[in-house]
């Protein structure tokens, strides 16, 4: 079950990364599962997936635009933070 989940996480990586490292990652899983445990290797594959996806140029641009948009909304309409309302501002 864990190997199947791990394999799916590896397949979700960007194609360039997957072509280069897929076989090696699956081999490492098979070799290290008894030592490290399947759950920790699945978590590692998930964190690798997040790092690889966030390092994509189009994702970085989208993330920067989202942060800028949220900042503009906060500046334009005031703070939406709940503790500002509690202080009576």
PDB file of N, CA and C in Angstrom:
ATOM      1  N   UNK A   1       0.825  -1.192   0.000  1.00  0.00           N
ATOM      2  CA  UNK A   1       0.000   0.000   0.000  1.00  0.00           C
ATOM      3  C   UNK A   1       0.876   1.266   0.000  1.00  0.00           C
ATOM      4  N   UNK A   2       1.863   1.308   0.912  1.00  0.00           N
ATOM      5  CA  UNK A   2       2.722   2.493   0.985  1.00  0.00           C
ATOM      6  C   UNK A   2       3.554   2.652  -0.285  1.00  0.00           C
ATOM      7  N   UNK A   3       4.008   1.531  -0.860  1.00  0.00           N
ATOM      8  CA  UNK A   3       4.806   1.632  -2.087  1.00  0.00           C
ATOM      9  C   UNK A   3       3.970   2.204  -3.223  1.00  0.00           C
ATOM     10  N   UNK A   4       2.713   1.815  -3.288  1.00  0.00           N
ATOM     11  CA  UNK A   4       1.821   2.340  -4.318  1.00  0.00           C
ATOM     12  C   UNK A   4       1.615   3.850  -4.134  1.00  0.00           C
ATOM     13  N   UNK A   5       1.400   4.275  -2.898  1.00  0.00           N
ATOM     14  CA  UNK A   5       1.252   5.706  -2.610  1.00  0.00           C
ATOM     15  C   UNK A   5       2.535   6.450  -2.951  1.00  0.00           C
ATOM     16  N   UNK A   6       3.669   5.871  -2.572  1.00  0.00           N
ATOM     17  CA  UNK A   6       4.965   6.476  -2.874  1.00  0.00           C
ATOM     18  C   UNK A   6       5.162   6.614  -4.383  1.00  0.00           C
ATOM     19  N   UNK A   7       4.840   5.560  -5.114  1.00  0.00           N
ATOM     20  CA  UNK A   7       4.984   5.586  -6.577  1.00  0.00           C
ATOM     21  C   UNK A   7       4.099   6.675  -7.192  1.00  0.00           C
ATOM     22  N   UNK A   8       2.881   6.854  -6.670  1.00  0.00           N
ATOM     23  CA  UNK A   8       1.995   7.906  -7.184  1.00  0.00           C
ATOM     24  C   UNK A   8       2.553   9.295  -6.875  1.00  0.00           C
ATOM     25  N   UNK A   9       3.112   9.471  -5.691  1.00  0.00           N
ATOM     26  CA  UNK A   9       3.732  10.756  -5.363  1.00  0.00           C
ATOM     27  C   UNK A   9       4.908  11.052  -6.284  1.00  0.00           C
ATOM     28  N   UNK A  10       5.687  10.036  -6.589  1.00  0.00           N
ATOM     29  CA  UNK A  10       6.823  10.221  -7.505  1.00  0.00           C
ATOM     30  C   UNK A  10       6.311  10.615  -8.890  1.00  0.00           C
ATOM     31  N   UNK A  11       5.228  10.007  -9.324  1.00  0.00           N
ATOM     32  CA  UNK A  11       4.679  10.317 -10.647  1.00  0.00           C
ATOM     33  C   UNK A  11       4.087  11.719 -10.735  1.00  0.00           C
ATOM     34  N   UNK A  12       3.756  12.329  -9.604  1.00  0.00           N
ATOM     35  CA  UNK A  12       3.230  13.694  -9.606  1.00  0.00           C
ATOM     36  C   UNK A  12       4.329  14.752  -9.733  1.00  0.00           C
ATOM     37  N   UNK A  13       5.576  14.341  -9.592  1.00  0.00           N
ATOM     38  CA  UNK A  13       6.688  15.289  -9.742  1.00  0.00           C
ATOM     39  C   UNK A  13       6.728  15.806 -11.183  1.00  0.00           C
ATOM     40  N   UNK A  14       7.336  16.973 -11.403  1.00  0.00           N
ATOM     41  CA  UNK A  14       7.494  17.475 -12.780  1.00  0.00           C
ATOM     42  C   UNK A  14       8.233  16.464 -13.653  1.00  0.00           C
ATOM     43  N   UNK A  15       7.898  16.446 -14.924  1.00  0.00           N
ATOM     44  CA  UNK A  15       8.433  15.446 -15.853  1.00  0.00           C
ATOM     45  C   UNK A  15       9.960  15.425 -15.884  1.00  0.00           C
ATOM     46  N   UNK A  16      10.584  16.594 -15.892  1.00  0.00           N
ATOM     47  CA  UNK A  16      12.053  16.630 -15.966  1.00  0.00           C
ATOM     48  C   UNK A  16      12.676  15.967 -14.735  1.00  0.00           C
ATOM     49  N   UNK A  17      12.110  16.201 -13.578  1.00  0.00           N
ATOM     50  CA  UNK A  17      12.604  15.584 -12.347  1.00  0.00           C
ATOM     51  C   UNK A  17      12.332  14.083 -12.358  1.00  0.00           C
ATOM     52  N   UNK A  18      11.131  13.730 -12.770  1.00  0.00           N
ATOM     53  CA  UNK A  18      10.716  12.326 -12.777  1.00  0.00           C
ATOM     54  C   UNK A  18      11.588  11.485 -13.707  1.00  0.00           C
ATOM     55  N   UNK A  19      11.869  11.989 -14.888  1.00  0.00           N
ATOM     56  CA  UNK A  19      12.705  11.250 -15.833  1.00  0.00           C
ATOM     57  C   UNK A  19      14.087  10.982 -15.238  1.00  0.00           C
ATOM     58  N   UNK A  20      14.592  11.946 -14.520  1.00  0.00           N
ATOM     59  CA  UNK A  20      15.939  11.824 -13.976  1.00  0.00           C
ATOM     60  C   UNK A  20      16.001  10.960 -12.715  1.00  0.00           C
ATOM     61  N   UNK A  21      14.965  11.022 -11.852  1.00  0.00           N
ATOM     62  CA  UNK A  21      15.086  10.417 -10.526  1.00  0.00           C
ATOM     63  C   UNK A  21      14.059   9.335 -10.186  1.00  0.00           C
ATOM     64  N   UNK A  22      13.077   9.068 -11.036  1.00  0.00           N
ATOM     65  CA  UNK A  22      12.015   8.138 -10.670  1.00  0.00           C
ATOM     66  C   UNK A  22      12.539   6.744 -10.295  1.00  0.00           C
ATOM     67  N   UNK A  23      13.340   6.160 -11.143  1.00  0.00           N
ATOM     68  CA  UNK A  23      13.851   4.811 -10.870  1.00  0.00           C
ATOM     69  C   UNK A  23      14.681   4.779  -9.589  1.00  0.00           C
ATOM     70  N   UNK A  24      15.497   5.792  -9.403  1.00  0.00           N
ATOM     71  CA  UNK A  24      16.341   5.852  -8.215  1.00  0.00           C
ATOM     72  C   UNK A  24      15.503   6.000  -6.951  1.00  0.00           C
ATOM     73  N   UNK A  25      14.477   6.841  -7.004  1.00  0.00           N
ATOM     74  CA  UNK A  25      13.615   7.026  -5.831  1.00  0.00           C
ATOM     75  C   UNK A  25      12.883   5.735  -5.472  1.00  0.00           C
ATOM     76  N   UNK A  26      12.402   5.013  -6.465  1.00  0.00           N
ATOM     77  CA  UNK A  26      11.716   3.746  -6.195  1.00  0.00           C
ATOM     78  C   UNK A  26      12.691   2.709  -5.648  1.00  0.00           C
ATOM     79  N   UNK A  27      13.910   2.701  -6.153  1.00  0.00           N
ATOM     80  CA  UNK A  27      14.931   1.782  -5.646  1.00  0.00           C
ATOM     81  C   UNK A  27      15.263   2.103  -4.190  1.00  0.00           C
ATOM     82  N   UNK A  28      15.441   3.394  -3.898  1.00  0.00           N
ATOM     83  CA  UNK A  28      15.739   3.807  -2.521  1.00  0.00           C
ATOM     84  C   UNK A  28      14.597   3.396  -1.593  1.00  0.00           C
ATOM     85  N   UNK A  29      13.351   3.573  -2.043  1.00  0.00           N
ATOM     86  CA  UNK A  29      12.213   3.155  -1.222  1.00  0.00           C
ATOM     87  C   UNK A  29      12.314   1.669  -0.896  1.00  0.00           C
ATOM     88  N   UNK A  30      12.552   0.850  -1.896  1.00  0.00           N
ATOM     89  CA  UNK A  30      12.627  -0.596  -1.684  1.00  0.00           C
ATOM     90  C   UNK A  30      13.772  -0.977  -0.742  1.00  0.00           C
ATOM     91  N   UNK A  31      14.889  -0.272  -0.849  1.00  0.00           N
ATOM     92  CA  UNK A  31      16.048  -0.589  -0.019  1.00  0.00           C
ATOM     93  C   UNK A  31      15.922  -0.052   1.410  1.00  0.00           C
ATOM     94  N   UNK A  32      15.280   1.091   1.581  1.00  0.00           N
ATOM     95  CA  UNK A  32      15.276   1.771   2.875  1.00  0.00           C
ATOM     96  C   UNK A  32      13.993   1.575   3.676  1.00  0.00           C
ATOM     97  N   UNK A  33      13.002   0.913   3.123  1.00  0.00           N
ATOM     98  CA  UNK A  33      11.716   0.812   3.806  1.00  0.00           C
ATOM     99  C   UNK A  33      11.842   0.096   5.150  1.00  0.00           C
ATOM    100  N   UNK A  34      12.699  -0.894   5.247  1.00  0.00           N
ATOM    101  CA  UNK A  34      12.867  -1.608   6.514  1.00  0.00           C
ATOM    102  C   UNK A  34      13.620  -0.770   7.544  1.00  0.00           C
ATOM    103  N   UNK A  35      14.523   0.066   7.097  1.00  0.00           N
ATOM    104  CA  UNK A  35      15.325   0.890   7.991  1.00  0.00           C
ATOM    105  C   UNK A  35      14.585   2.150   8.436  1.00  0.00           C
ATOM    106  N   UNK A  36      14.022   2.872   7.488  1.00  0.00           N
ATOM    107  CA  UNK A  36      13.417   4.173   7.771  1.00  0.00           C
ATOM    108  C   UNK A  36      11.915   4.103   8.012  1.00  0.00           C
ATOM    109  N   UNK A  37      11.280   3.076   7.521  1.00  0.00           N
ATOM    110  CA  UNK A  37       9.830   2.971   7.658  1.00  0.00           C
ATOM    111  C   UNK A  37       9.147   3.596   6.453  1.00  0.00           C
ATOM    112  N   UNK A  38       8.075   2.972   6.037  1.00  0.00           N
ATOM    113  CA  UNK A  38       7.378   3.411   4.825  1.00  0.00           C
ATOM    114  C   UNK A  38       6.769   4.797   5.000  1.00  0.00           C
ATOM    115  N   UNK A  39       6.215   5.079   6.162  1.00  0.00           N
ATOM    116  CA  UNK A  39       5.544   6.371   6.366  1.00  0.00           C
ATOM    117  C   UNK A  39       6.519   7.534   6.218  1.00  0.00           C
ATOM    118  N   UNK A  40       7.726   7.402   6.783  1.00  0.00           N
ATOM    119  CA  UNK A  40       8.686   8.508   6.678  1.00  0.00           C
ATOM    120  C   UNK A  40       9.143   8.709   5.237  1.00  0.00           C
ATOM    121  N   UNK A  41       9.245   7.628   4.473  1.00  0.00           N
ATOM    122  CA  UNK A  41       9.635   7.765   3.066  1.00  0.00           C
ATOM    123  C   UNK A  41       8.517   8.397   2.238  1.00  0.00           C
ATOM    124  N   UNK A  42       7.269   8.097   2.555  1.00  0.00           N
ATOM    125  CA  UNK A  42       6.137   8.726   1.864  1.00  0.00           C
ATOM    126  C   UNK A  42       6.093  10.217   2.190  1.00  0.00           C
ATOM    127  N   UNK A  43       6.321  10.574   3.457  1.00  0.00           N
ATOM    128  CA  UNK A  43       6.360  11.993   3.839  1.00  0.00           C
ATOM    129  C   UNK A  43       7.494  12.703   3.101  1.00  0.00           C
ATOM    130  N   UNK A  44       8.638  12.050   2.980  1.00  0.00           N
ATOM    131  CA  UNK A  44       9.771  12.632   2.255  1.00  0.00           C
ATOM    132  C   UNK A  44       9.427  12.859   0.785  1.00  0.00           C
ATOM    133  N   UNK A  45       8.755  11.888   0.164  1.00  0.00           N
ATOM    134  CA  UNK A  45       8.345  12.049  -1.237  1.00  0.00           C
ATOM    135  C   UNK A  45       7.348  13.191  -1.375  1.00  0.00           C
ATOM    136  N   UNK A  46       6.446  13.340  -0.407  1.00  0.00           N
ATOM    137  CA  UNK A  46       5.482  14.447  -0.436  1.00  0.00           C
ATOM    138  C   UNK A  46       6.157  15.796  -0.302  1.00  0.00           C
ATOM    139  N   UNK A  47       7.134  15.893   0.599  1.00  0.00           N
ATOM    140  CA  UNK A  47       7.845  17.171   0.743  1.00  0.00           C
ATOM    141  C   UNK A  47       8.689  17.468  -0.493  1.00  0.00           C
ATOM    142  N   UNK A  48       9.252  16.429  -1.093  1.00  0.00           N
ATOM    143  CA  UNK A  48       9.985  16.619  -2.347  1.00  0.00           C
ATOM    144  C   UNK A  48       9.059  17.124  -3.449  1.00  0.00           C
ATOM    145  N   UNK A  49       7.871  16.572  -3.505  1.00  0.00           N
ATOM    146  CA  UNK A  49       6.888  17.000  -4.502  1.00  0.00           C
ATOM    147  C   UNK A  49       6.544  18.476  -4.325  1.00  0.00           C
ATOM    148  N   UNK A  50       6.318  18.900  -3.098  1.00  0.00           N
ATOM    149  CA  UNK A  50       6.001  20.310  -2.834  1.00  0.00           C
ATOM    150  C   UNK A  50       7.165  21.202  -3.255  1.00  0.00           C
ATOM    151  N   UNK A  51       8.387  20.826  -2.874  1.00  0.00           N
ATOM    152  CA  UNK A  51       9.567  21.627  -3.262  1.00  0.00           C
ATOM    153  C   UNK A  51       9.707  21.722  -4.774  1.00  0.00           C
ATOM    154  N   UNK A  52       9.543  20.604  -5.464  1.00  0.00           N
ATOM    155  CA  UNK A  52       9.705  20.602  -6.918  1.00  0.00           C
ATOM    156  C   UNK A  52       8.621  21.426  -7.603  1.00  0.00           C
ATOM    157  N   UNK A  53       7.399  21.315  -7.130  1.00  0.00           N
ATOM    158  CA  UNK A  53       6.305  22.080  -7.749  1.00  0.00           C
ATOM    159  C   UNK A  53       6.455  23.573  -7.489  1.00  0.00           C
ATOM    160  N   UNK A  54       6.880  23.946  -6.286  1.00  0.00           N
ATOM    161  CA  UNK A  54       7.060  25.371  -5.988  1.00  0.00           C
ATOM    162  C   UNK A  54       8.258  25.965  -6.707  1.00  0.00           C
ATOM    163  N   UNK A  55       9.202  25.143  -7.128  1.00  0.00           N
ATOM    164  CA  UNK A  55      10.367  25.665  -7.836  1.00  0.00           C
ATOM    165  C   UNK A  55      10.103  25.875  -9.326  1.00  0.00           C
ATOM    166  N   UNK A  56       8.937  25.471  -9.802  1.00  0.00           N
ATOM    167  CA  UNK A  56       8.570  25.696 -11.205  1.00  0.00           C
ATOM    168  C   UNK A  56       8.356  27.186 -11.440  1.00  0.00           C
ATOM    169  N   UNK A  57       8.886  27.742 -12.525  1.00  0.00           N
ATOM    170  CA  UNK A  57       8.763  29.188 -12.770  1.00  0.00           C
ATOM    171  C   UNK A  57       7.315  29.674 -12.811  1.00  0.00           C
ATOM    172  N   UNK A  58       6.424  28.922 -13.439  1.00  0.00           N
ATOM    173  CA  UNK A  58       5.039  29.385 -13.534  1.00  0.00           C
ATOM    174  C   UNK A  58       4.356  29.381 -12.172  1.00  0.00           C
ATOM    175  N   UNK A  59       4.716  28.470 -11.299  1.00  0.00           N
ATOM    176  CA  UNK A  59       4.138  28.435  -9.956  1.00  0.00           C
ATOM    177  C   UNK A  59       4.672  29.604  -9.147  1.00  0.00           C
ATOM    178  N   UNK A  60       5.950  29.899  -9.286  1.00  0.00           N
ATOM    179  CA  UNK A  60       6.538  31.028  -8.563  1.00  0.00           C
ATOM    180  C   UNK A  60       5.863  32.331  -8.955  1.00  0.00           C
ATOM    181  N   UNK A  61       5.593  32.506 -10.234  1.00  0.00           N
ATOM    182  CA  UNK A  61       4.908  33.719 -10.702  1.00  0.00           C
ATOM    183  C   UNK A  61       3.494  33.784 -10.144  1.00  0.00           C
ATOM    184  N   UNK A  62       2.787  32.652 -10.157  1.00  0.00           N
ATOM    185  CA  UNK A  62       1.427  32.611  -9.633  1.00  0.00           C
ATOM    186  C   UNK A  62       1.414  32.921  -8.141  1.00  0.00           C
ATOM    187  N   UNK A  63       2.362  32.347  -7.393  1.00  0.00           N
ATOM    188  CA  UNK A  63       2.441  32.580  -5.961  1.00  0.00           C
ATOM    189  C   UNK A  63       2.750  34.043  -5.659  1.00  0.00           C
ATOM    190  N   UNK A  64       3.680  34.642  -6.393  1.00  0.00           N
ATOM    191  CA  UNK A  64       4.014  36.054  -6.186  1.00  0.00           C
ATOM    192  C   UNK A  64       2.821  36.945  -6.507  1.00  0.00           C
ATOM    193  N   UNK A  65       2.097  36.643  -7.577  1.00  0.00           N
ATOM    194  CA  UNK A  65       0.919  37.433  -7.933  1.00  0.00           C
ATOM    195  C   UNK A  65      -0.169  37.296  -6.877  1.00  0.00           C
ATOM    196  N   UNK A  66      -0.330  36.116  -6.320  1.00  0.00           N
ATOM    197  CA  UNK A  66      -1.341  35.910  -5.278  1.00  0.00           C
ATOM    198  C   UNK A  66      -1.013  36.700  -4.026  1.00  0.00           C
ATOM    199  N   UNK A  67       0.247  36.663  -3.616  1.00  0.00           N
ATOM    200  CA  UNK A  67       0.655  37.418  -2.428  1.00  0.00           C
ATOM    201  C   UNK A  67       0.472  38.906  -2.658  1.00  0.00           C
ATOM    202  N   UNK A  68       0.852  39.393  -3.838  1.00  0.00           N
ATOM    203  CA  UNK A  68       0.686  40.812  -4.149  1.00  0.00           C
ATOM    204  C   UNK A  68      -0.793  41.192  -4.153  1.00  0.00           C
ATOM    205  N   UNK A  69      -1.640  40.335  -4.710  1.00  0.00           N
ATOM    206  CA  UNK A  69      -3.075  40.614  -4.740  1.00  0.00           C
ATOM    207  C   UNK A  69      -3.682  40.667  -3.353  1.00  0.00           C
ATOM    208  N   UNK A  70      -3.297  39.746  -2.493  1.00  0.00           N
ATOM    209  CA  UNK A  70      -3.802  39.748  -1.120  1.00  0.00           C
ATOM    210  C   UNK A  70      -3.326  40.984  -0.372  1.00  0.00           C
ATOM    211  N   UNK A  71      -2.065  41.357  -0.579  1.00  0.00           N
ATOM    212  CA  UNK A  71      -1.540  42.562   0.070  1.00  0.00           C
ATOM    213  C   UNK A  71      -2.313  43.796  -0.376  1.00  0.00           C
ATOM    214  N   UNK A  72      -2.626  43.891  -1.674  1.00  0.00           N
ATOM    215  CA  UNK A  72      -3.399  45.036  -2.163  1.00  0.00           C
ATOM    216  C   UNK A  72      -4.811  45.057  -1.571  1.00  0.00           C
ATOM    217  N   UNK A  73      -5.432  43.911  -1.426  1.00  0.00           N
ATOM    218  CA  UNK A  73      -6.762  43.856  -0.809  1.00  0.00           C
ATOM    219  C   UNK A  73      -6.723  44.322   0.639  1.00  0.00           C
ATOM    220  N   UNK A  74      -5.714  43.904   1.370  1.00  0.00           N
ATOM    221  CA  UNK A  74      -5.598  44.319   2.772  1.00  0.00           C
ATOM    222  C   UNK A  74      -5.370  45.826   2.861  1.00  0.00           C
ATOM    223  N   UNK A  75      -4.520  46.360   1.983  1.00  0.00           N
ATOM    224  CA  UNK A  75      -4.262  47.805   1.976  1.00  0.00           C
ATOM    225  C   UNK A  75      -5.529  48.564   1.598  1.00  0.00           C
ATOM    226  N   UNK A  76      -6.254  48.070   0.585  1.00  0.00           N
ATOM    227  CA  UNK A  76      -7.424  48.784   0.082  1.00  0.00           C
ATOM    228  C   UNK A  76      -8.605  48.745   1.049  1.00  0.00           C
ATOM    229  N   UNK A  77      -8.847  47.613   1.667  1.00  0.00           N
ATOM    230  CA  UNK A  77     -10.043  47.454   2.489  1.00  0.00           C
ATOM    231  C   UNK A  77      -9.763  47.355   3.973  1.00  0.00           C
ATOM    232  N   UNK A  78      -8.558  47.546   4.388  1.00  0.00           N
ATOM    233  CA  UNK A  78      -8.223  47.426   5.796  1.00  0.00           C
ATOM    234  C   UNK A  78      -7.901  45.990   6.153  1.00  0.00           C
ATOM    235  N   UNK A  79      -7.513  45.824   7.343  1.00  0.00           N
ATOM    236  CA  UNK A  79      -7.096  44.495   7.789  1.00  0.00           C
ATOM    237  C   UNK A  79      -8.299  43.593   8.014  1.00  0.00           C
ATOM    238  N   UNK A  80      -8.146  42.353   7.641  1.00  0.00           N
ATOM    239  CA  UNK A  80      -9.180  41.353   7.873  1.00  0.00           C
ATOM    240  C   UNK A  80      -8.839  40.480   9.072  1.00  0.00           C
ATOM    241  N   UNK A  81      -7.835  40.868   9.804  1.00  0.00           N
ATOM    242  CA  UNK A  81      -7.378  40.046  10.908  1.00  0.00           C
ATOM    243  C   UNK A  81      -8.367  40.127  12.070  1.00  0.00           C
ATOM    244  N   UNK A  82      -8.726  39.009  12.657  1.00  0.00           N
ATOM    245  CA  UNK A  82      -9.751  38.997  13.690  1.00  0.00           C
ATOM    246  C   UNK A  82      -9.353  39.766  14.950  1.00  0.00           C
ATOM    247  N   UNK A  83      -8.068  39.830  15.277  1.00  0.00           N
ATOM    248  CA  UNK A  83      -7.683  40.549  16.486  1.00  0.00           C
ATOM    249  C   UNK A  83      -7.807  42.064  16.332  1.00  0.00           C
ATOM    250  N   UNK A  84      -7.857  42.576  15.116  1.00  0.00           N
ATOM    251  CA  UNK A  84      -8.113  44.011  14.921  1.00  0.00           C
ATOM    252  C   UNK A  84      -9.545  44.351  15.324  1.00  0.00           C
ATOM    253  N   UNK A  85     -10.483  43.494  15.018  1.00  0.00           N
ATOM    254  CA  UNK A  85     -11.877  43.720  15.403  1.00  0.00           C
ATOM    255  C   UNK A  85     -12.053  43.607  16.902  1.00  0.00           C
ATOM    256  N   UNK A  86     -11.322  42.714  17.536  1.00  0.00           N
ATOM    257  CA  UNK A  86     -11.448  42.511  18.980  1.00  0.00           C
ATOM    258  C   UNK A  86     -10.942  43.722  19.747  1.00  0.00           C
ATOM    259  N   UNK A  87      -9.997  44.460  19.173  1.00  0.00           N
ATOM    260  CA  UNK A  87      -9.449  45.638  19.845  1.00  0.00           C
ATOM    261  C   UNK A  87     -10.279  46.879  19.600  1.00  0.00           C
ATOM    262  N   UNK A  88     -11.318  46.768  18.799  1.00  0.00           N
ATOM    263  CA  UNK A  88     -12.199  47.894  18.548  1.00  0.00           C
ATOM    264  C   UNK A  88     -11.674  48.891  17.545  1.00  0.00           C
ATOM    265  N   UNK A  89     -10.842  48.516  16.661  1.00  0.00           N
ATOM    266  CA  UNK A  89     -10.303  49.428  15.652  1.00  0.00           C
ATOM    267  C   UNK A  89     -11.242  49.592  14.508  1.00  0.00           C
TER     268      UNK A  89
END
